[in-house]
Amino acid sequence: VQVVESGGGLVQPGGSLRLSCTAS
């Protein structure tokens, strides 16, 4: 099974991010 993440990065305190992951 291939597992792939995306969506990381640099954000300021109090900010938001959304991570995604798919599994084959």
PDBML (XML) file of the C-alpha atoms, coordinates in Angstrom:
<?xml version="1.0" encoding="UTF-8" ?>
<PDBx:datablock datablockName="MODEL"
   xmlns:PDBx="http://pdbml.pdb.org/schema/pdbx-v50.xsd"
   xmlns:xsi="http://www.w3.org/2001/XMLSchema-instance"
   xsi:schemaLocation="http://pdbml.pdb.org/schema/pdbx-v50.xsd pdbx-v50.xsd">
   <PDBx:atom_siteCategory>
      <PDBx:atom_site id="1">
         <PDBx:B_iso_or_equiv>0.00</PDBx:B_iso_or_equiv>
         <PDBx:Cartn_x>0.000</PDBx:Cartn_x>
         <PDBx:Cartn_y>0.000</PDBx:Cartn_y>
         <PDBx:Cartn_z>0.000</PDBx:Cartn_z>
         <PDBx:auth_asym_id>A</PDBx:auth_asym_id>
         <PDBx:auth_atom_id>CA</PDBx:auth_atom_id>
         <PDBx:auth_comp_id>VAL</PDBx:auth_comp_id>
         <PDBx:auth_seq_id>1</PDBx:auth_seq_id>
         <PDBx:group_PDB>ATOM</PDBx:group_PDB>
         <PDBx:label_alt_id xsi:nil="true" />
         <PDBx:label_asym_id>A</PDBx:label_asym_id>
         <PDBx:label_atom_id>CA</PDBx:label_atom_id>
         <PDBx:label_comp_id>VAL</PDBx:label_comp_id>
         <PDBx:label_entity_id>1</PDBx:label_entity_id>
         <PDBx:label_seq_id>1</PDBx:label_seq_id>
         <PDBx:occupancy>1.00</PDBx:occupancy>
         <PDBx:pdbx_PDB_model_num>1</PDBx:pdbx_PDB_model_num>
         <PDBx:type_symbol>C</PDBx:type_symbol>
      </PDBx:atom_site>
      <PDBx:atom_site id="2">
         <PDBx:B_iso_or_equiv>0.00</PDBx:B_iso_or_equiv>
         <PDBx:Cartn_x>1.370</PDBx:Cartn_x>
         <PDBx:Cartn_y>3.389</PDBx:Cartn_y>
         <PDBx:Cartn_z>-1.009</PDBx:Cartn_z>
         <PDBx:auth_asym_id>A</PDBx:auth_asym_id>
         <PDBx:auth_atom_id>CA</PDBx:auth_atom_id>
         <PDBx:auth_comp_id>GLN</PDBx:auth_comp_id>
         <PDBx:auth_seq_id>2</PDBx:auth_seq_id>
         <PDBx:group_PDB>ATOM</PDBx:group_PDB>
         <PDBx:label_alt_id xsi:nil="true" />
         <PDBx:label_asym_id>A</PDBx:label_asym_id>
         <PDBx:label_atom_id>CA</PDBx:label_atom_id>
         <PDBx:label_comp_id>GLN</PDBx:label_comp_id>
         <PDBx:label_entity_id>1</PDBx:label_entity_id>
         <PDBx:label_seq_id>2</PDBx:label_seq_id>
         <PDBx:occupancy>1.00</PDBx:occupancy>
         <PDBx:pdbx_PDB_model_num>1</PDBx:pdbx_PDB_model_num>
         <PDBx:type_symbol>C</PDBx:type_symbol>
      </PDBx:atom_site>
      <PDBx:atom_site id="3">
         <PDBx:B_iso_or_equiv>0.00</PDBx:B_iso_or_equiv>
         <PDBx:Cartn_x>0.645</PDBx:Cartn_x>
         <PDBx:Cartn_y>6.149</PDBx:Cartn_y>
         <PDBx:Cartn_z>1.499</PDBx:Cartn_z>
         <PDBx:auth_asym_id>A</PDBx:auth_asym_id>
         <PDBx:auth_atom_id>CA</PDBx:auth_atom_id>
         <PDBx:auth_comp_id>VAL</PDBx:auth_comp_id>
         <PDBx:auth_seq_id>3</PDBx:auth_seq_id>
         <PDBx:group_PDB>ATOM</PDBx:group_PDB>
         <PDBx:label_alt_id xsi:nil="true" />
         <PDBx:label_asym_id>A</PDBx:label_asym_id>
         <PDBx:label_atom_id>CA</PDBx:label_atom_id>
         <PDBx:label_comp_id>VAL</PDBx:label_comp_id>
         <PDBx:label_entity_id>1</PDBx:label_entity_id>
         <PDBx:label_seq_id>3</PDBx:label_seq_id>
         <PDBx:occupancy>1.00</PDBx:occupancy>
         <PDBx:pdbx_PDB_model_num>1</PDBx:pdbx_PDB_model_num>
         <PDBx:type_symbol>C</PDBx:type_symbol>
      </PDBx:atom_site>
      <PDBx:atom_site id="4">
         <PDBx:B_iso_or_equiv>0.00</PDBx:B_iso_or_equiv>
         <PDBx:Cartn_x>1.227</PDBx:Cartn_x>
         <PDBx:Cartn_y>9.728</PDBx:Cartn_y>
         <PDBx:Cartn_z>0.365</PDBx:Cartn_z>
         <PDBx:auth_asym_id>A</PDBx:auth_asym_id>
         <PDBx:auth_atom_id>CA</PDBx:auth_atom_id>
         <PDBx:auth_comp_id>VAL</PDBx:auth_comp_id>
         <PDBx:auth_seq_id>4</PDBx:auth_seq_id>
         <PDBx:group_PDB>ATOM</PDBx:group_PDB>
         <PDBx:label_alt_id xsi:nil="true" />
         <PDBx:label_asym_id>A</PDBx:label_asym_id>
         <PDBx:label_atom_id>CA</PDBx:label_atom_id>
         <PDBx:label_comp_id>VAL</PDBx:label_comp_id>
         <PDBx:label_entity_id>1</PDBx:label_entity_id>
         <PDBx:label_seq_id>4</PDBx:label_seq_id>
         <PDBx:occupancy>1.00</PDBx:occupancy>
         <PDBx:pdbx_PDB_model_num>1</PDBx:pdbx_PDB_model_num>
         <PDBx:type_symbol>C</PDBx:type_symbol>
      </PDBx:atom_site>
      <PDBx:atom_site id="5">
         <PDBx:B_iso_or_equiv>0.00</PDBx:B_iso_or_equiv>
         <PDBx:Cartn_x>0.855</PDBx:Cartn_x>
         <PDBx:Cartn_y>12.901</PDBx:Cartn_y>
         <PDBx:Cartn_z>2.438</PDBx:Cartn_z>
         <PDBx:auth_asym_id>A</PDBx:auth_asym_id>
         <PDBx:auth_atom_id>CA</PDBx:auth_atom_id>
         <PDBx:auth_comp_id>GLU</PDBx:auth_comp_id>
         <PDBx:auth_seq_id>5</PDBx:auth_seq_id>
         <PDBx:group_PDB>ATOM</PDBx:group_PDB>
         <PDBx:label_alt_id xsi:nil="true" />
         <PDBx:label_asym_id>A</PDBx:label_asym_id>
         <PDBx:label_atom_id>CA</PDBx:label_atom_id>
         <PDBx:label_comp_id>GLU</PDBx:label_comp_id>
         <PDBx:label_entity_id>1</PDBx:label_entity_id>
         <PDBx:label_seq_id>5</PDBx:label_seq_id>
         <PDBx:occupancy>1.00</PDBx:occupancy>
         <PDBx:pdbx_PDB_model_num>1</PDBx:pdbx_PDB_model_num>
         <PDBx:type_symbol>C</PDBx:type_symbol>
      </PDBx:atom_site>
      <PDBx:atom_site id="6">
         <PDBx:B_iso_or_equiv>0.00</PDBx:B_iso_or_equiv>
         <PDBx:Cartn_x>0.620</PDBx:Cartn_x>
         <PDBx:Cartn_y>16.499</PDBx:Cartn_y>
         <PDBx:Cartn_z>1.284</PDBx:Cartn_z>
         <PDBx:auth_asym_id>A</PDBx:auth_asym_id>
         <PDBx:auth_atom_id>CA</PDBx:auth_atom_id>
         <PDBx:auth_comp_id>SER</PDBx:auth_comp_id>
         <PDBx:auth_seq_id>6</PDBx:auth_seq_id>
         <PDBx:group_PDB>ATOM</PDBx:group_PDB>
         <PDBx:label_alt_id xsi:nil="true" />
         <PDBx:label_asym_id>A</PDBx:label_asym_id>
         <PDBx:label_atom_id>CA</PDBx:label_atom_id>
         <PDBx:label_comp_id>SER</PDBx:label_comp_id>
         <PDBx:label_entity_id>1</PDBx:label_entity_id>
         <PDBx:label_seq_id>6</PDBx:label_seq_id>
         <PDBx:occupancy>1.00</PDBx:occupancy>
         <PDBx:pdbx_PDB_model_num>1</PDBx:pdbx_PDB_model_num>
         <PDBx:type_symbol>C</PDBx:type_symbol>
      </PDBx:atom_site>
      <PDBx:atom_site id="7">
         <PDBx:B_iso_or_equiv>0.00</PDBx:B_iso_or_equiv>
         <PDBx:Cartn_x>-0.246</PDBx:Cartn_x>
         <PDBx:Cartn_y>19.915</PDBx:Cartn_y>
         <PDBx:Cartn_z>2.633</PDBx:Cartn_z>
         <PDBx:auth_asym_id>A</PDBx:auth_asym_id>
         <PDBx:auth_atom_id>CA</PDBx:auth_atom_id>
         <PDBx:auth_comp_id>GLY</PDBx:auth_comp_id>
         <PDBx:auth_seq_id>7</PDBx:auth_seq_id>
         <PDBx:group_PDB>ATOM</PDBx:group_PDB>
         <PDBx:label_alt_id xsi:nil="true" />
         <PDBx:label_asym_id>A</PDBx:label_asym_id>
         <PDBx:label_atom_id>CA</PDBx:label_atom_id>
         <PDBx:label_comp_id>GLY</PDBx:label_comp_id>
         <PDBx:label_entity_id>1</PDBx:label_entity_id>
         <PDBx:label_seq_id>7</PDBx:label_seq_id>
         <PDBx:occupancy>1.00</PDBx:occupancy>
         <PDBx:pdbx_PDB_model_num>1</PDBx:pdbx_PDB_model_num>
         <PDBx:type_symbol>C</PDBx:type_symbol>
      </PDBx:atom_site>
      <PDBx:atom_site id="8">
         <PDBx:B_iso_or_equiv>0.00</PDBx:B_iso_or_equiv>
         <PDBx:Cartn_x>2.525</PDBx:Cartn_x>
         <PDBx:Cartn_y>20.791</PDBx:Cartn_y>
         <PDBx:Cartn_z>5.059</PDBx:Cartn_z>
         <PDBx:auth_asym_id>A</PDBx:auth_asym_id>
         <PDBx:auth_atom_id>CA</PDBx:auth_atom_id>
         <PDBx:auth_comp_id>GLY</PDBx:auth_comp_id>
         <PDBx:auth_seq_id>8</PDBx:auth_seq_id>
         <PDBx:group_PDB>ATOM</PDBx:group_PDB>
         <PDBx:label_alt_id xsi:nil="true" />
         <PDBx:label_asym_id>A</PDBx:label_asym_id>
         <PDBx:label_atom_id>CA</PDBx:label_atom_id>
         <PDBx:label_comp_id>GLY</PDBx:label_comp_id>
         <PDBx:label_entity_id>1</PDBx:label_entity_id>
         <PDBx:label_seq_id>8</PDBx:label_seq_id>
         <PDBx:occupancy>1.00</PDBx:occupancy>
         <PDBx:pdbx_PDB_model_num>1</PDBx:pdbx_PDB_model_num>
         <PDBx:type_symbol>C</PDBx:type_symbol>
      </PDBx:atom_site>
      <PDBx:atom_site id="9">
         <PDBx:B_iso_or_equiv>0.00</PDBx:B_iso_or_equiv>
         <PDBx:Cartn_x>4.269</PDBx:Cartn_x>
         <PDBx:Cartn_y>24.130</PDBx:Cartn_y>
         <PDBx:Cartn_z>5.166</PDBx:Cartn_z>
         <PDBx:auth_asym_id>A</PDBx:auth_asym_id>
         <PDBx:auth_atom_id>CA</PDBx:auth_atom_id>
         <PDBx:auth_comp_id>GLY</PDBx:auth_comp_id>
         <PDBx:auth_seq_id>9</PDBx:auth_seq_id>
         <PDBx:group_PDB>ATOM</PDBx:group_PDB>
         <PDBx:label_alt_id xsi:nil="true" />
         <PDBx:label_asym_id>A</PDBx:label_asym_id>
         <PDBx:label_atom_id>CA</PDBx:label_atom_id>
         <PDBx:label_comp_id>GLY</PDBx:label_comp_id>
         <PDBx:label_entity_id>1</PDBx:label_entity_id>
         <PDBx:label_seq_id>9</PDBx:label_seq_id>
         <PDBx:occupancy>1.00</PDBx:occupancy>
         <PDBx:pdbx_PDB_model_num>1</PDBx:pdbx_PDB_model_num>
         <PDBx:type_symbol>C</PDBx:type_symbol>
      </PDBx:atom_site>
      <PDBx:atom_site id="10">
         <PDBx:B_iso_or_equiv>0.00</PDBx:B_iso_or_equiv>
         <PDBx:Cartn_x>5.116</PDBx:Cartn_x>
         <PDBx:Cartn_y>27.207</PDBx:Cartn_y>
         <PDBx:Cartn_z>7.192</PDBx:Cartn_z>
         <PDBx:auth_asym_id>A</PDBx:auth_asym_id>
         <PDBx:auth_atom_id>CA</PDBx:auth_atom_id>
         <PDBx:auth_comp_id>LEU</PDBx:auth_comp_id>
         <PDBx:auth_seq_id>10</PDBx:auth_seq_id>
         <PDBx:group_PDB>ATOM</PDBx:group_PDB>
         <PDBx:label_alt_id xsi:nil="true" />
         <PDBx:label_asym_id>A</PDBx:label_asym_id>
         <PDBx:label_atom_id>CA</PDBx:label_atom_id>
         <PDBx:label_comp_id>LEU</PDBx:label_comp_id>
         <PDBx:label_entity_id>1</PDBx:label_entity_id>
         <PDBx:label_seq_id>10</PDBx:label_seq_id>
         <PDBx:occupancy>1.00</PDBx:occupancy>
         <PDBx:pdbx_PDB_model_num>1</PDBx:pdbx_PDB_model_num>
         <PDBx:type_symbol>C</PDBx:type_symbol>
      </PDBx:atom_site>
      <PDBx:atom_site id="11">
         <PDBx:B_iso_or_equiv>0.00</PDBx:B_iso_or_equiv>
         <PDBx:Cartn_x>2.351</PDBx:Cartn_x>
         <PDBx:Cartn_y>28.972</PDBx:Cartn_y>
         <PDBx:Cartn_z>9.095</PDBx:Cartn_z>
         <PDBx:auth_asym_id>A</PDBx:auth_asym_id>
         <PDBx:auth_atom_id>CA</PDBx:auth_atom_id>
         <PDBx:auth_comp_id>VAL</PDBx:auth_comp_id>
         <PDBx:auth_seq_id>11</PDBx:auth_seq_id>
         <PDBx:group_PDB>ATOM</PDBx:group_PDB>
         <PDBx:label_alt_id xsi:nil="true" />
         <PDBx:label_asym_id>A</PDBx:label_asym_id>
         <PDBx:label_atom_id>CA</PDBx:label_atom_id>
         <PDBx:label_comp_id>VAL</PDBx:label_comp_id>
         <PDBx:label_entity_id>1</PDBx:label_entity_id>
         <PDBx:label_seq_id>11</PDBx:label_seq_id>
         <PDBx:occupancy>1.00</PDBx:occupancy>
         <PDBx:pdbx_PDB_model_num>1</PDBx:pdbx_PDB_model_num>
         <PDBx:type_symbol>C</PDBx:type_symbol>
      </PDBx:atom_site>
      <PDBx:atom_site id="12">
         <PDBx:B_iso_or_equiv>0.00</PDBx:B_iso_or_equiv>
         <PDBx:Cartn_x>2.228</PDBx:Cartn_x>
         <PDBx:Cartn_y>31.655</PDBx:Cartn_y>
         <PDBx:Cartn_z>11.764</PDBx:Cartn_z>
         <PDBx:auth_asym_id>A</PDBx:auth_asym_id>
         <PDBx:auth_atom_id>CA</PDBx:auth_atom_id>
         <PDBx:auth_comp_id>GLN</PDBx:auth_comp_id>
         <PDBx:auth_seq_id>12</PDBx:auth_seq_id>
         <PDBx:group_PDB>ATOM</PDBx:group_PDB>
         <PDBx:label_alt_id xsi:nil="true" />
         <PDBx:label_asym_id>A</PDBx:label_asym_id>
         <PDBx:label_atom_id>CA</PDBx:label_atom_id>
         <PDBx:label_comp_id>GLN</PDBx:label_comp_id>
         <PDBx:label_entity_id>1</PDBx:label_entity_id>
         <PDBx:label_seq_id>12</PDBx:label_seq_id>
         <PDBx:occupancy>1.00</PDBx:occupancy>
         <PDBx:pdbx_PDB_model_num>1</PDBx:pdbx_PDB_model_num>
         <PDBx:type_symbol>C</PDBx:type_symbol>
      </PDBx:atom_site>
      <PDBx:atom_site id="13">
         <PDBx:B_iso_or_equiv>0.00</PDBx:B_iso_or_equiv>
         <PDBx:Cartn_x>0.988</PDBx:Cartn_x>
         <PDBx:Cartn_y>30.885</PDBx:Cartn_y>
         <PDBx:Cartn_z>15.274</PDBx:Cartn_z>
         <PDBx:auth_asym_id>A</PDBx:auth_asym_id>
         <PDBx:auth_atom_id>CA</PDBx:auth_atom_id>
         <PDBx:auth_comp_id>PRO</PDBx:auth_comp_id>
         <PDBx:auth_seq_id>13</PDBx:auth_seq_id>
         <PDBx:group_PDB>ATOM</PDBx:group_PDB>
         <PDBx:label_alt_id xsi:nil="true" />
         <PDBx:label_asym_id>A</PDBx:label_asym_id>
         <PDBx:label_atom_id>CA</PDBx:label_atom_id>
         <PDBx:label_comp_id>PRO</PDBx:label_comp_id>
         <PDBx:label_entity_id>1</PDBx:label_entity_id>
         <PDBx:label_seq_id>13</PDBx:label_seq_id>
         <PDBx:occupancy>1.00</PDBx:occupancy>
         <PDBx:pdbx_PDB_model_num>1</PDBx:pdbx_PDB_model_num>
         <PDBx:type_symbol>C</PDBx:type_symbol>
      </PDBx:atom_site>
      <PDBx:atom_site id="14">
         <PDBx:B_iso_or_equiv>0.00</PDBx:B_iso_or_equiv>
         <PDBx:Cartn_x>-2.789</PDBx:Cartn_x>
         <PDBx:Cartn_y>30.914</PDBx:Cartn_y>
         <PDBx:Cartn_z>15.346</PDBx:Cartn_z>
         <PDBx:auth_asym_id>A</PDBx:auth_asym_id>
         <PDBx:auth_atom_id>CA</PDBx:auth_atom_id>
         <PDBx:auth_comp_id>GLY</PDBx:auth_comp_id>
         <PDBx:auth_seq_id>14</PDBx:auth_seq_id>
         <PDBx:group_PDB>ATOM</PDBx:group_PDB>
         <PDBx:label_alt_id xsi:nil="true" />
         <PDBx:label_asym_id>A</PDBx:label_asym_id>
         <PDBx:label_atom_id>CA</PDBx:label_atom_id>
         <PDBx:label_comp_id>GLY</PDBx:label_comp_id>
         <PDBx:label_entity_id>1</PDBx:label_entity_id>
         <PDBx:label_seq_id>14</PDBx:label_seq_id>
         <PDBx:occupancy>1.00</PDBx:occupancy>
         <PDBx:pdbx_PDB_model_num>1</PDBx:pdbx_PDB_model_num>
         <PDBx:type_symbol>C</PDBx:type_symbol>
      </PDBx:atom_site>
      <PDBx:atom_site id="15">
         <PDBx:B_iso_or_equiv>0.00</PDBx:B_iso_or_equiv>
         <PDBx:Cartn_x>-2.991</PDBx:Cartn_x>
         <PDBx:Cartn_y>29.948</PDBx:Cartn_y>
         <PDBx:Cartn_z>11.700</PDBx:Cartn_z>
         <PDBx:auth_asym_id>A</PDBx:auth_asym_id>
         <PDBx:auth_atom_id>CA</PDBx:auth_atom_id>
         <PDBx:auth_comp_id>GLY</PDBx:auth_comp_id>
         <PDBx:auth_seq_id>15</PDBx:auth_seq_id>
         <PDBx:group_PDB>ATOM</PDBx:group_PDB>
         <PDBx:label_alt_id xsi:nil="true" />
         <PDBx:label_asym_id>A</PDBx:label_asym_id>
         <PDBx:label_atom_id>CA</PDBx:label_atom_id>
         <PDBx:label_comp_id>GLY</PDBx:label_comp_id>
         <PDBx:label_entity_id>1</PDBx:label_entity_id>
         <PDBx:label_seq_id>15</PDBx:label_seq_id>
         <PDBx:occupancy>1.00</PDBx:occupancy>
         <PDBx:pdbx_PDB_model_num>1</PDBx:pdbx_PDB_model_num>
         <PDBx:type_symbol>C</PDBx:type_symbol>
      </PDBx:atom_site>
      <PDBx:atom_site id="16">
         <PDBx:B_iso_or_equiv>0.00</PDBx:B_iso_or_equiv>
         <PDBx:Cartn_x>-4.430</PDBx:Cartn_x>
         <PDBx:Cartn_y>26.875</PDBx:Cartn_y>
         <PDBx:Cartn_z>9.996</PDBx:Cartn_z>
         <PDBx:auth_asym_id>A</PDBx:auth_asym_id>
         <PDBx:auth_atom_id>CA</PDBx:auth_atom_id>
         <PDBx:auth_comp_id>SER</PDBx:auth_comp_id>
         <PDBx:auth_seq_id>16</PDBx:auth_seq_id>
         <PDBx:group_PDB>ATOM</PDBx:group_PDB>
         <PDBx:label_alt_id xsi:nil="true" />
         <PDBx:label_asym_id>A</PDBx:label_asym_id>
         <PDBx:label_atom_id>CA</PDBx:label_atom_id>
         <PDBx:label_comp_id>SER</PDBx:label_comp_id>
         <PDBx:label_entity_id>1</PDBx:label_entity_id>
         <PDBx:label_seq_id>16</PDBx:label_seq_id>
         <PDBx:occupancy>1.00</PDBx:occupancy>
         <PDBx:pdbx_PDB_model_num>1</PDBx:pdbx_PDB_model_num>
         <PDBx:type_symbol>C</PDBx:type_symbol>
      </PDBx:atom_site>
      <PDBx:atom_site id="17">
         <PDBx:B_iso_or_equiv>0.00</PDBx:B_iso_or_equiv>
         <PDBx:Cartn_x>-3.246</PDBx:Cartn_x>
         <PDBx:Cartn_y>24.095</PDBx:Cartn_y>
         <PDBx:Cartn_z>7.715</PDBx:Cartn_z>
         <PDBx:auth_asym_id>A</PDBx:auth_asym_id>
         <PDBx:auth_atom_id>CA</PDBx:auth_atom_id>
         <PDBx:auth_comp_id>LEU</PDBx:auth_comp_id>
         <PDBx:auth_seq_id>17</PDBx:auth_seq_id>
         <PDBx:group_PDB>ATOM</PDBx:group_PDB>
         <PDBx:label_alt_id xsi:nil="true" />
         <PDBx:label_asym_id>A</PDBx:label_asym_id>
         <PDBx:label_atom_id>CA</PDBx:label_atom_id>
         <PDBx:label_comp_id>LEU</PDBx:label_comp_id>
         <PDBx:label_entity_id>1</PDBx:label_entity_id>
         <PDBx:label_seq_id>17</PDBx:label_seq_id>
         <PDBx:occupancy>1.00</PDBx:occupancy>
         <PDBx:pdbx_PDB_model_num>1</PDBx:pdbx_PDB_model_num>
         <PDBx:type_symbol>C</PDBx:type_symbol>
      </PDBx:atom_site>
      <PDBx:atom_site id="18">
         <PDBx:B_iso_or_equiv>0.00</PDBx:B_iso_or_equiv>
         <PDBx:Cartn_x>-4.943</PDBx:Cartn_x>
         <PDBx:Cartn_y>21.107</PDBx:Cartn_y>
         <PDBx:Cartn_z>6.160</PDBx:Cartn_z>
         <PDBx:auth_asym_id>A</PDBx:auth_asym_id>
         <PDBx:auth_atom_id>CA</PDBx:auth_atom_id>
         <PDBx:auth_comp_id>ARG</PDBx:auth_comp_id>
         <PDBx:auth_seq_id>18</PDBx:auth_seq_id>
         <PDBx:group_PDB>ATOM</PDBx:group_PDB>
         <PDBx:label_alt_id xsi:nil="true" />
         <PDBx:label_asym_id>A</PDBx:label_asym_id>
         <PDBx:label_atom_id>CA</PDBx:label_atom_id>
         <PDBx:label_comp_id>ARG</PDBx:label_comp_id>
         <PDBx:label_entity_id>1</PDBx:label_entity_id>
         <PDBx:label_seq_id>18</PDBx:label_seq_id>
         <PDBx:occupancy>1.00</PDBx:occupancy>
         <PDBx:pdbx_PDB_model_num>1</PDBx:pdbx_PDB_model_num>
         <PDBx:type_symbol>C</PDBx:type_symbol>
      </PDBx:atom_site>
      <PDBx:atom_site id="19">
         <PDBx:B_iso_or_equiv>0.00</PDBx:B_iso_or_equiv>
         <PDBx:Cartn_x>-3.023</PDBx:Cartn_x>
         <PDBx:Cartn_y>17.902</PDBx:Cartn_y>
         <PDBx:Cartn_z>5.608</PDBx:Cartn_z>
         <PDBx:auth_asym_id>A</PDBx:auth_asym_id>
         <PDBx:auth_atom_id>CA</PDBx:auth_atom_id>
         <PDBx:auth_comp_id>LEU</PDBx:auth_comp_id>
         <PDBx:auth_seq_id>19</PDBx:auth_seq_id>
         <PDBx:group_PDB>ATOM</PDBx:group_PDB>
         <PDBx:label_alt_id xsi:nil="true" />
         <PDBx:label_asym_id>A</PDBx:label_asym_id>
         <PDBx:label_atom_id>CA</PDBx:label_atom_id>
         <PDBx:label_comp_id>LEU</PDBx:label_comp_id>
         <PDBx:label_entity_id>1</PDBx:label_entity_id>
         <PDBx:label_seq_id>19</PDBx:label_seq_id>
         <PDBx:occupancy>1.00</PDBx:occupancy>
         <PDBx:pdbx_PDB_model_num>1</PDBx:pdbx_PDB_model_num>
         <PDBx:type_symbol>C</PDBx:type_symbol>
      </PDBx:atom_site>
      <PDBx:atom_site id="20">
         <PDBx:B_iso_or_equiv>0.00</PDBx:B_iso_or_equiv>
         <PDBx:Cartn_x>-4.156</PDBx:Cartn_x>
         <PDBx:Cartn_y>15.280</PDBx:Cartn_y>
         <PDBx:Cartn_z>3.127</PDBx:Cartn_z>
         <PDBx:auth_asym_id>A</PDBx:auth_asym_id>
         <PDBx:auth_atom_id>CA</PDBx:auth_atom_id>
         <PDBx:auth_comp_id>SER</PDBx:auth_comp_id>
         <PDBx:auth_seq_id>20</PDBx:auth_seq_id>
         <PDBx:group_PDB>ATOM</PDBx:group_PDB>
         <PDBx:label_alt_id xsi:nil="true" />
         <PDBx:label_asym_id>A</PDBx:label_asym_id>
         <PDBx:label_atom_id>CA</PDBx:label_atom_id>
         <PDBx:label_comp_id>SER</PDBx:label_comp_id>
         <PDBx:label_entity_id>1</PDBx:label_entity_id>
         <PDBx:label_seq_id>20</PDBx:label_seq_id>
         <PDBx:occupancy>1.00</PDBx:occupancy>
         <PDBx:pdbx_PDB_model_num>1</PDBx:pdbx_PDB_model_num>
         <PDBx:type_symbol>C</PDBx:type_symbol>
      </PDBx:atom_site>
      <PDBx:atom_site id="21">
         <PDBx:B_iso_or_equiv>0.00</PDBx:B_iso_or_equiv>
         <PDBx:Cartn_x>-3.241</PDBx:Cartn_x>
         <PDBx:Cartn_y>11.637</PDBx:Cartn_y>
         <PDBx:Cartn_z>2.765</PDBx:Cartn_z>
         <PDBx:auth_asym_id>A</PDBx:auth_asym_id>
         <PDBx:auth_atom_id>CA</PDBx:auth_atom_id>
         <PDBx:auth_comp_id>CYS</PDBx:auth_comp_id>
         <PDBx:auth_seq_id>21</PDBx:auth_seq_id>
         <PDBx:group_PDB>ATOM</PDBx:group_PDB>
         <PDBx:label_alt_id xsi:nil="true" />
         <PDBx:label_asym_id>A</PDBx:label_asym_id>
         <PDBx:label_atom_id>CA</PDBx:label_atom_id>
         <PDBx:label_comp_id>CYS</PDBx:label_comp_id>
         <PDBx:label_entity_id>1</PDBx:label_entity_id>
         <PDBx:label_seq_id>21</PDBx:label_seq_id>
         <PDBx:occupancy>1.00</PDBx:occupancy>
         <PDBx:pdbx_PDB_model_num>1</PDBx:pdbx_PDB_model_num>
         <PDBx:type_symbol>C</PDBx:type_symbol>
      </PDBx:atom_site>
      <PDBx:atom_site id="22">
         <PDBx:B_iso_or_equiv>0.00</PDBx:B_iso_or_equiv>
         <PDBx:Cartn_x>-4.177</PDBx:Cartn_x>
         <PDBx:Cartn_y>8.977</PDBx:Cartn_y>
         <PDBx:Cartn_z>0.241</PDBx:Cartn_z>
         <PDBx:auth_asym_id>A</PDBx:auth_asym_id>
         <PDBx:auth_atom_id>CA</PDBx:auth_atom_id>
         <PDBx:auth_comp_id>THR</PDBx:auth_comp_id>
         <PDBx:auth_seq_id>22</PDBx:auth_seq_id>
         <PDBx:group_PDB>ATOM</PDBx:group_PDB>
         <PDBx:label_alt_id xsi:nil="true" />
         <PDBx:label_asym_id>A</PDBx:label_asym_id>
         <PDBx:label_atom_id>CA</PDBx:label_atom_id>
         <PDBx:label_comp_id>THR</PDBx:label_comp_id>
         <PDBx:label_entity_id>1</PDBx:label_entity_id>
         <PDBx:label_seq_id>22</PDBx:label_seq_id>
         <PDBx:occupancy>1.00</PDBx:occupancy>
         <PDBx:pdbx_PDB_model_num>1</PDBx:pdbx_PDB_model_num>
         <PDBx:type_symbol>C</PDBx:type_symbol>
      </PDBx:atom_site>
      <PDBx:atom_site id="23">
         <PDBx:B_iso_or_equiv>0.00</PDBx:B_iso_or_equiv>
         <PDBx:Cartn_x>-3.678</PDBx:Cartn_x>
         <PDBx:Cartn_y>5.231</PDBx:Cartn_y>
         <PDBx:Cartn_z>0.461</PDBx:Cartn_z>
         <PDBx:auth_asym_id>A</PDBx:auth_asym_id>
         <PDBx:auth_atom_id>CA</PDBx:auth_atom_id>
         <PDBx:auth_comp_id>ALA</PDBx:auth_comp_id>
         <PDBx:auth_seq_id>23</PDBx:auth_seq_id>
         <PDBx:group_PDB>ATOM</PDBx:group_PDB>
         <PDBx:label_alt_id xsi:nil="true" />
         <PDBx:label_asym_id>A</PDBx:label_asym_id>
         <PDBx:label_atom_id>CA</PDBx:label_atom_id>
         <PDBx:label_comp_id>ALA</PDBx:label_comp_id>
         <PDBx:label_entity_id>1</PDBx:label_entity_id>
         <PDBx:label_seq_id>23</PDBx:label_seq_id>
         <PDBx:occupancy>1.00</PDBx:occupancy>
         <PDBx:pdbx_PDB_model_num>1</PDBx:pdbx_PDB_model_num>
         <PDBx:type_symbol>C</PDBx:type_symbol>
      </PDBx:atom_site>
      <PDBx:atom_site id="24">
         <PDBx:B_iso_or_equiv>0.00</PDBx:B_iso_or_equiv>
         <PDBx:Cartn_x>-3.592</PDBx:Cartn_x>
         <PDBx:Cartn_y>3.001</PDBx:Cartn_y>
         <PDBx:Cartn_z>-2.610</PDBx:Cartn_z>
         <PDBx:auth_asym_id>A</PDBx:auth_asym_id>
         <PDBx:auth_atom_id>CA</PDBx:auth_atom_id>
         <PDBx:auth_comp_id>SER</PDBx:auth_comp_id>
         <PDBx:auth_seq_id>24</PDBx:auth_seq_id>
         <PDBx:group_PDB>ATOM</PDBx:group_PDB>
         <PDBx:label_alt_id xsi:nil="true" />
         <PDBx:label_asym_id>A</PDBx:label_asym_id>
         <PDBx:label_atom_id>CA</PDBx:label_atom_id>
         <PDBx:label_comp_id>SER</PDBx:label_comp_id>
         <PDBx:label_entity_id>1</PDBx:label_entity_id>
         <PDBx:label_seq_id>24</PDBx:label_seq_id>
         <PDBx:occupancy>1.00</PDBx:occupancy>
         <PDBx:pdbx_PDB_model_num>1</PDBx:pdbx_PDB_model_num>
         <PDBx:type_symbol>C</PDBx:type_symbol>
      </PDBx:atom_site>
   </PDBx:atom_siteCategory>
</PDBx:datablock>
